[in-house]
């Protein structure tokens, strides 16, 4: 792999599609929040609703109910590549593309990023810790509780927080739209102004460690 040139003199090539290996490193924790919980037909959304229905009006959860409820929230909001074994947290390609576009918008290049950049796969998050949903739940380092507001007042959410993390992914770049240095800038801007996943930019901010062309 060749390191991307940092020169400002780089120009667009004649329609070549290049694959760039990008590596980012978190500078603050990242919270994983899978939007599938907004789907009322989703298994984990249904499970949390069923547990809530067990609670009698005006009463609080029992300790056992609270444990099951929070674990269902925690598990349902993970992105897991290995769904059979409920393992291998990952960031979806479309989420990464959205982060790149958000960074590009800081220099009014959002449309260029939309057309010119495609993340080619779902890549696993890199971190030191359990790789299964159950293992993460049992490790208090990864369990994050927060208060959230709603129509019925405030309630507690429970999600997975990765304290130290990094991430490596491949992006296909259409050089009719931008050059590799542009992608590096978009990622840089996204890293300190946007951040990845939930509660950004307080959480999920990152530094760009490298952008290299895959030969």
C-alpha atoms as a PDB file:
ATOM      1  CA  UNK A   1       0.000   0.000   0.000  1.00  0.00           C
ATOM      2  CA  UNK A   2       1.235   3.478  -0.825  1.00  0.00           C
ATOM      3  CA  UNK A   3       0.864   6.377   1.569  1.00  0.00           C
ATOM      4  CA  UNK A   4      -1.381   9.137   0.262  1.00  0.00           C
ATOM      5  CA  UNK A   5       0.577  12.194  -0.754  1.00  0.00           C
ATOM      6  CA  UNK A   6      -0.038  15.208   1.500  1.00  0.00           C
ATOM      7  CA  UNK A   7       0.783  17.725  -1.239  1.00  0.00           C
ATOM      8  CA  UNK A   8      -1.785  20.401  -2.080  1.00  0.00           C
ATOM      9  CA  UNK A   9      -0.702  20.065  -5.718  1.00  0.00           C
ATOM     10  CA  UNK A  10      -2.523  16.755  -6.195  1.00  0.00           C
ATOM     11  CA  UNK A  11      -5.028  16.803  -9.054  1.00  0.00           C
ATOM     12  CA  UNK A  12      -7.940  14.616 -10.022  1.00  0.00           C
ATOM     13  CA  UNK A  13      -7.151  11.670 -12.231  1.00  0.00           C
ATOM     14  CA  UNK A  14      -9.151  10.833 -15.348  1.00  0.00           C
ATOM     15  CA  UNK A  15     -11.997   8.927 -13.782  1.00  0.00           C
ATOM     16  CA  UNK A  16      -9.959   6.352 -11.872  1.00  0.00           C
ATOM     17  CA  UNK A  17     -11.640   4.619  -8.929  1.00  0.00           C
ATOM     18  CA  UNK A  18      -9.159   4.178  -6.079  1.00  0.00           C
ATOM     19  CA  UNK A  19      -9.555   2.194  -2.870  1.00  0.00           C
ATOM     20  CA  UNK A  20      -8.262   3.934   0.235  1.00  0.00           C
ATOM     21  CA  UNK A  21      -7.561   2.194   3.537  1.00  0.00           C
ATOM     22  CA  UNK A  22      -8.509   4.606   6.306  1.00  0.00           C
ATOM     23  CA  UNK A  23      -7.597   4.218   9.970  1.00  0.00           C
ATOM     24  CA  UNK A  24      -9.046   6.440  12.673  1.00  0.00           C
ATOM     25  CA  UNK A  25      -8.372   6.425  16.418  1.00  0.00           C
ATOM     26  CA  UNK A  26     -10.853   7.593  19.023  1.00  0.00           C
ATOM     27  CA  UNK A  27      -9.830  10.546  21.210  1.00  0.00           C
ATOM     28  CA  UNK A  28     -12.973  10.249  23.367  1.00  0.00           C
ATOM     29  CA  UNK A  29     -15.263   7.268  24.066  1.00  0.00           C
ATOM     30  CA  UNK A  30     -17.828   6.184  21.461  1.00  0.00           C
ATOM     31  CA  UNK A  31     -21.381   5.055  22.226  1.00  0.00           C
ATOM     32  CA  UNK A  32     -22.963   2.444  19.958  1.00  0.00           C
ATOM     33  CA  UNK A  33     -26.628   3.066  19.192  1.00  0.00           C
ATOM     34  CA  UNK A  34     -28.347   0.838  16.622  1.00  0.00           C
ATOM     35  CA  UNK A  35     -31.437   2.508  15.199  1.00  0.00           C
ATOM     36  CA  UNK A  36     -33.241  -0.820  14.904  1.00  0.00           C
ATOM     37  CA  UNK A  37     -34.774  -0.169  18.330  1.00  0.00           C
ATOM     38  CA  UNK A  38     -37.062   2.404  16.695  1.00  0.00           C
ATOM     39  CA  UNK A  39     -38.704  -0.412  14.703  1.00  0.00           C
ATOM     40  CA  UNK A  40     -41.629  -1.765  16.709  1.00  0.00           C
ATOM     41  CA  UNK A  41     -41.365  -5.113  14.885  1.00  0.00           C
ATOM     42  CA  UNK A  42     -37.735  -5.612  15.910  1.00  0.00           C
ATOM     43  CA  UNK A  43     -37.133  -8.482  18.348  1.00  0.00           C
ATOM     44  CA  UNK A  44     -35.251  -6.368  20.894  1.00  0.00           C
ATOM     45  CA  UNK A  45     -37.754  -3.517  20.686  1.00  0.00           C
ATOM     46  CA  UNK A  46     -40.572  -5.989  21.283  1.00  0.00           C
ATOM     47  CA  UNK A  47     -38.710  -7.594  24.168  1.00  0.00           C
ATOM     48  CA  UNK A  48     -38.176  -4.280  25.941  1.00  0.00           C
ATOM     49  CA  UNK A  49     -41.872  -3.433  25.423  1.00  0.00           C
ATOM     50  CA  UNK A  50     -42.899  -6.774  26.929  1.00  0.00           C
ATOM     51  CA  UNK A  51     -40.707  -6.216  29.983  1.00  0.00           C
ATOM     52  CA  UNK A  52     -42.081  -2.696  30.441  1.00  0.00           C
ATOM     53  CA  UNK A  53     -45.598  -4.150  30.329  1.00  0.00           C
ATOM     54  CA  UNK A  54     -44.736  -6.382  33.296  1.00  0.00           C
ATOM     55  CA  UNK A  55     -44.320  -3.316  35.496  1.00  0.00           C
ATOM     56  CA  UNK A  56     -47.469  -2.498  37.397  1.00  0.00           C
ATOM     57  CA  UNK A  57     -48.824   1.034  37.085  1.00  0.00           C
ATOM     58  CA  UNK A  58     -47.206   3.355  39.595  1.00  0.00           C
ATOM     59  CA  UNK A  59     -44.591   0.761  40.554  1.00  0.00           C
ATOM     60  CA  UNK A  60     -40.894   0.529  39.793  1.00  0.00           C
ATOM     61  CA  UNK A  61     -39.120  -2.349  38.139  1.00  0.00           C
ATOM     62  CA  UNK A  62     -37.984  -5.130  40.387  1.00  0.00           C
ATOM     63  CA  UNK A  63     -34.234  -5.683  40.352  1.00  0.00           C
ATOM     64  CA  UNK A  64     -34.716  -8.746  38.128  1.00  0.00           C
ATOM     65  CA  UNK A  65     -36.937  -6.847  35.694  1.00  0.00           C
ATOM     66  CA  UNK A  66     -34.518  -3.926  35.537  1.00  0.00           C
ATOM     67  CA  UNK A  67     -31.647  -6.295  34.778  1.00  0.00           C
ATOM     68  CA  UNK A  68     -33.526  -7.932  31.906  1.00  0.00           C
ATOM     69  CA  UNK A  69     -34.775  -4.614  30.565  1.00  0.00           C
ATOM     70  CA  UNK A  70     -31.381  -2.917  30.554  1.00  0.00           C
ATOM     71  CA  UNK A  71     -29.677  -5.947  29.027  1.00  0.00           C
ATOM     72  CA  UNK A  72     -32.244  -5.987  26.204  1.00  0.00           C
ATOM     73  CA  UNK A  73     -31.682  -2.261  25.577  1.00  0.00           C
ATOM     74  CA  UNK A  74     -27.914  -2.752  25.648  1.00  0.00           C
ATOM     75  CA  UNK A  75     -27.945  -5.744  23.289  1.00  0.00           C
ATOM     76  CA  UNK A  76     -30.494  -4.311  20.873  1.00  0.00           C
ATOM     77  CA  UNK A  77     -28.428  -1.180  20.338  1.00  0.00           C
ATOM     78  CA  UNK A  78     -25.269  -3.046  19.351  1.00  0.00           C
ATOM     79  CA  UNK A  79     -24.308  -3.460  15.708  1.00  0.00           C
ATOM     80  CA  UNK A  80     -23.163  -7.101  15.522  1.00  0.00           C
ATOM     81  CA  UNK A  81     -21.549  -8.606  12.443  1.00  0.00           C
ATOM     82  CA  UNK A  82     -21.936 -12.192  13.636  1.00  0.00           C
ATOM     83  CA  UNK A  83     -25.642 -12.304  14.403  1.00  0.00           C
ATOM     84  CA  UNK A  84     -25.679 -16.077  14.904  1.00  0.00           C
ATOM     85  CA  UNK A  85     -23.259 -15.863  17.831  1.00  0.00           C
ATOM     86  CA  UNK A  86     -24.250 -12.308  18.812  1.00  0.00           C
ATOM     87  CA  UNK A  87     -20.665 -11.194  18.406  1.00  0.00           C
ATOM     88  CA  UNK A  88     -18.239  -8.794  16.680  1.00  0.00           C
ATOM     89  CA  UNK A  89     -19.376  -5.160  17.092  1.00  0.00           C
ATOM     90  CA  UNK A  90     -19.017  -3.148  13.897  1.00  0.00           C
ATOM     91  CA  UNK A  91     -19.862   0.203  12.303  1.00  0.00           C
ATOM     92  CA  UNK A  92     -22.186  -0.058   9.276  1.00  0.00           C
ATOM     93  CA  UNK A  93     -20.832   1.239   5.978  1.00  0.00           C
ATOM     94  CA  UNK A  94     -23.690   3.723   5.622  1.00  0.00           C
ATOM     95  CA  UNK A  95     -22.901   5.219   9.033  1.00  0.00           C
ATOM     96  CA  UNK A  96     -19.278   5.745   8.042  1.00  0.00           C
ATOM     97  CA  UNK A  97     -20.323   7.303   4.732  1.00  0.00           C
ATOM     98  CA  UNK A  98     -22.616   9.674   6.647  1.00  0.00           C
ATOM     99  CA  UNK A  99     -19.729  10.751   8.883  1.00  0.00           C
ATOM    100  CA  UNK A 100     -17.554  11.451   5.835  1.00  0.00           C
ATOM    101  CA  UNK A 101     -20.334  13.516   4.237  1.00  0.00           C
ATOM    102  CA  UNK A 102     -20.806  15.466   7.459  1.00  0.00           C
ATOM    103  CA  UNK A 103     -17.112  16.275   7.472  1.00  0.00           C
ATOM    104  CA  UNK A 104     -17.238  17.265   3.792  1.00  0.00           C
ATOM    105  CA  UNK A 105     -20.120  19.659   4.477  1.00  0.00           C
ATOM    106  CA  UNK A 106     -17.799  21.697   6.688  1.00  0.00           C
ATOM    107  CA  UNK A 107     -16.050  22.804   3.485  1.00  0.00           C
ATOM    108  CA  UNK A 108     -19.229  22.776   1.365  1.00  0.00           C
ATOM    109  CA  UNK A 109     -18.239  19.552  -0.376  1.00  0.00           C
ATOM    110  CA  UNK A 110     -21.106  17.380   0.839  1.00  0.00           C
ATOM    111  CA  UNK A 111     -22.378  16.612  -2.663  1.00  0.00           C
ATOM    112  CA  UNK A 112     -18.899  15.600  -3.819  1.00  0.00           C
ATOM    113  CA  UNK A 113     -18.645  13.157  -0.916  1.00  0.00           C
ATOM    114  CA  UNK A 114     -22.157  11.824  -1.536  1.00  0.00           C
ATOM    115  CA  UNK A 115     -21.374  10.994  -5.156  1.00  0.00           C
ATOM    116  CA  UNK A 116     -17.681  10.228  -4.932  1.00  0.00           C
ATOM    117  CA  UNK A 117     -17.230   8.104  -1.794  1.00  0.00           C
ATOM    118  CA  UNK A 118     -18.482   4.604  -1.083  1.00  0.00           C
ATOM    119  CA  UNK A 119     -17.483   2.510   1.928  1.00  0.00           C
ATOM    120  CA  UNK A 120     -17.295  -1.021   0.593  1.00  0.00           C
ATOM    121  CA  UNK A 121     -18.088  -3.211   3.601  1.00  0.00           C
ATOM    122  CA  UNK A 122     -19.112  -3.319   7.263  1.00  0.00           C
ATOM    123  CA  UNK A 123     -15.902  -3.325   9.306  1.00  0.00           C
ATOM    124  CA  UNK A 124     -15.469  -4.414  12.949  1.00  0.00           C
ATOM    125  CA  UNK A 125     -14.615  -1.932  15.657  1.00  0.00           C
ATOM    126  CA  UNK A 126     -11.128  -2.410  17.107  1.00  0.00           C
ATOM    127  CA  UNK A 127     -10.923  -2.383  20.908  1.00  0.00           C
ATOM    128  CA  UNK A 128      -9.570  -4.387  23.827  1.00  0.00           C
ATOM    129  CA  UNK A 129     -12.397  -6.343  25.429  1.00  0.00           C
ATOM    130  CA  UNK A 130     -15.071  -9.018  24.937  1.00  0.00           C
ATOM    131  CA  UNK A 131     -16.376  -9.512  21.415  1.00  0.00           C
ATOM    132  CA  UNK A 132     -19.785 -10.972  22.282  1.00  0.00           C
ATOM    133  CA  UNK A 133     -22.856  -9.058  23.389  1.00  0.00           C
ATOM    134  CA  UNK A 134     -23.077 -11.115  26.575  1.00  0.00           C
ATOM    135  CA  UNK A 135     -19.407 -10.584  27.352  1.00  0.00           C
ATOM    136  CA  UNK A 136     -19.705  -6.835  26.881  1.00  0.00           C
ATOM    137  CA  UNK A 137     -22.788  -6.721  29.120  1.00  0.00           C
ATOM    138  CA  UNK A 138     -20.953  -8.533  31.888  1.00  0.00           C
ATOM    139  CA  UNK A 139     -17.980  -6.160  31.691  1.00  0.00           C
ATOM    140  CA  UNK A 140     -18.925  -2.955  33.530  1.00  0.00           C
ATOM    141  CA  UNK A 141     -16.369  -0.955  31.523  1.00  0.00           C
ATOM    142  CA  UNK A 142     -18.728  -1.095  28.545  1.00  0.00           C
ATOM    143  CA  UNK A 143     -22.119  -0.530  30.209  1.00  0.00           C
ATOM    144  CA  UNK A 144     -23.320   3.078  29.966  1.00  0.00           C
ATOM    145  CA  UNK A 145     -26.542   4.345  31.552  1.00  0.00           C
ATOM    146  CA  UNK A 146     -28.042   7.712  30.645  1.00  0.00           C
ATOM    147  CA  UNK A 147     -31.220   9.656  31.281  1.00  0.00           C
ATOM    148  CA  UNK A 148     -33.275  10.477  28.196  1.00  0.00           C
ATOM    149  CA  UNK A 149     -36.398  12.588  27.810  1.00  0.00           C
ATOM    150  CA  UNK A 150     -39.641  11.594  26.109  1.00  0.00           C
ATOM    151  CA  UNK A 151     -43.356  12.310  25.939  1.00  0.00           C
ATOM    152  CA  UNK A 152     -43.872  10.391  29.162  1.00  0.00           C
ATOM    153  CA  UNK A 153     -41.045  12.111  31.034  1.00  0.00           C
ATOM    154  CA  UNK A 154     -37.481  10.955  31.544  1.00  0.00           C
ATOM    155  CA  UNK A 155     -36.368   7.356  31.405  1.00  0.00           C
ATOM    156  CA  UNK A 156     -33.104   5.413  31.493  1.00  0.00           C
ATOM    157  CA  UNK A 157     -31.281   4.184  28.415  1.00  0.00           C
ATOM    158  CA  UNK A 158     -28.492   1.605  28.490  1.00  0.00           C
ATOM    159  CA  UNK A 159     -25.947   1.338  25.702  1.00  0.00           C
ATOM    160  CA  UNK A 160     -22.442   0.104  25.038  1.00  0.00           C
ATOM    161  CA  UNK A 161     -19.657   2.652  25.481  1.00  0.00           C
ATOM    162  CA  UNK A 162     -16.184   1.923  24.128  1.00  0.00           C
ATOM    163  CA  UNK A 163     -13.645   3.913  26.121  1.00  0.00           C
ATOM    164  CA  UNK A 164     -10.649   3.307  23.853  1.00  0.00           C
ATOM    165  CA  UNK A 165     -11.208   2.327  20.261  1.00  0.00           C
ATOM    166  CA  UNK A 166      -9.971   2.535  16.712  1.00  0.00           C
ATOM    167  CA  UNK A 167     -11.462   1.676  13.370  1.00  0.00           C
ATOM    168  CA  UNK A 168     -10.132   0.725   9.948  1.00  0.00           C
ATOM    169  CA  UNK A 169     -12.177   0.700   6.767  1.00  0.00           C
ATOM    170  CA  UNK A 170     -11.849   0.812   2.981  1.00  0.00           C
ATOM    171  CA  UNK A 171     -13.416   3.600   0.949  1.00  0.00           C
ATOM    172  CA  UNK A 172     -13.767   3.661  -2.830  1.00  0.00           C
ATOM    173  CA  UNK A 173     -13.137   7.153  -4.174  1.00  0.00           C
ATOM    174  CA  UNK A 174     -14.178   8.355  -7.629  1.00  0.00           C
ATOM    175  CA  UNK A 175     -11.362  10.718  -8.504  1.00  0.00           C
ATOM    176  CA  UNK A 176     -13.579  12.615 -10.940  1.00  0.00           C
ATOM    177  CA  UNK A 177     -15.219  14.047  -7.811  1.00  0.00           C
ATOM    178  CA  UNK A 178     -12.301  14.438  -5.386  1.00  0.00           C
ATOM    179  CA  UNK A 179      -8.736  13.406  -4.685  1.00  0.00           C
ATOM    180  CA  UNK A 180      -7.408  11.370  -1.728  1.00  0.00           C
ATOM    181  CA  UNK A 181      -6.268  14.511   0.061  1.00  0.00           C
ATOM    182  CA  UNK A 182      -9.869  15.736   0.022  1.00  0.00           C
ATOM    183  CA  UNK A 183     -11.048  12.535   1.686  1.00  0.00           C
ATOM    184  CA  UNK A 184      -8.362  12.958   4.333  1.00  0.00           C
ATOM    185  CA  UNK A 185      -9.577  16.516   5.003  1.00  0.00           C
ATOM    186  CA  UNK A 186     -13.208  15.403   5.233  1.00  0.00           C
ATOM    187  CA  UNK A 187     -12.255  12.767   7.773  1.00  0.00           C
ATOM    188  CA  UNK A 188     -10.118  15.242   9.726  1.00  0.00           C
ATOM    189  CA  UNK A 189     -12.998  17.717   9.888  1.00  0.00           C
ATOM    190  CA  UNK A 190     -15.466  14.984  10.849  1.00  0.00           C
ATOM    191  CA  UNK A 191     -13.126  13.744  13.552  1.00  0.00           C
ATOM    192  CA  UNK A 192     -12.979  16.966  15.550  1.00  0.00           C
ATOM    193  CA  UNK A 193     -16.278  18.626  14.568  1.00  0.00           C
ATOM    194  CA  UNK A 194     -18.719  15.725  14.161  1.00  0.00           C
ATOM    195  CA  UNK A 195     -17.755  12.394  15.714  1.00  0.00           C
ATOM    196  CA  UNK A 196     -19.050   8.882  15.165  1.00  0.00           C
ATOM    197  CA  UNK A 197     -22.372   7.465  16.402  1.00  0.00           C
ATOM    198  CA  UNK A 198     -24.495   8.648  19.348  1.00  0.00           C
ATOM    199  CA  UNK A 199     -24.138  11.848  21.389  1.00  0.00           C
ATOM    200  CA  UNK A 200     -21.607  13.336  19.036  1.00  0.00           C
ATOM    201  CA  UNK A 201     -19.533  15.466  19.142  1.00  0.00           C
ATOM    202  CA  UNK A 202     -19.225  14.966  22.908  1.00  0.00           C
ATOM    203  CA  UNK A 203     -18.636  11.282  22.147  1.00  0.00           C
ATOM    204  CA  UNK A 204     -17.165   9.579  19.117  1.00  0.00           C
ATOM    205  CA  UNK A 205     -14.564  12.175  18.097  1.00  0.00           C
ATOM    206  CA  UNK A 206     -11.410  10.809  16.507  1.00  0.00           C
ATOM    207  CA  UNK A 207      -8.077  11.523  14.860  1.00  0.00           C
ATOM    208  CA  UNK A 208      -7.113  10.266  11.418  1.00  0.00           C
ATOM    209  CA  UNK A 209      -4.072   8.053  11.745  1.00  0.00           C
ATOM    210  CA  UNK A 210      -3.619   7.171   8.078  1.00  0.00           C
ATOM    211  CA  UNK A 211      -5.206   7.164   4.616  1.00  0.00           C
ATOM    212  CA  UNK A 212      -3.364   4.922   2.197  1.00  0.00           C
ATOM    213  CA  UNK A 213      -4.111   3.714  -1.297  1.00  0.00           C
ATOM    214  CA  UNK A 214      -4.622  -0.014  -1.678  1.00  0.00           C
ATOM    215  CA  UNK A 215      -2.602  -1.124  -4.701  1.00  0.00           C
END
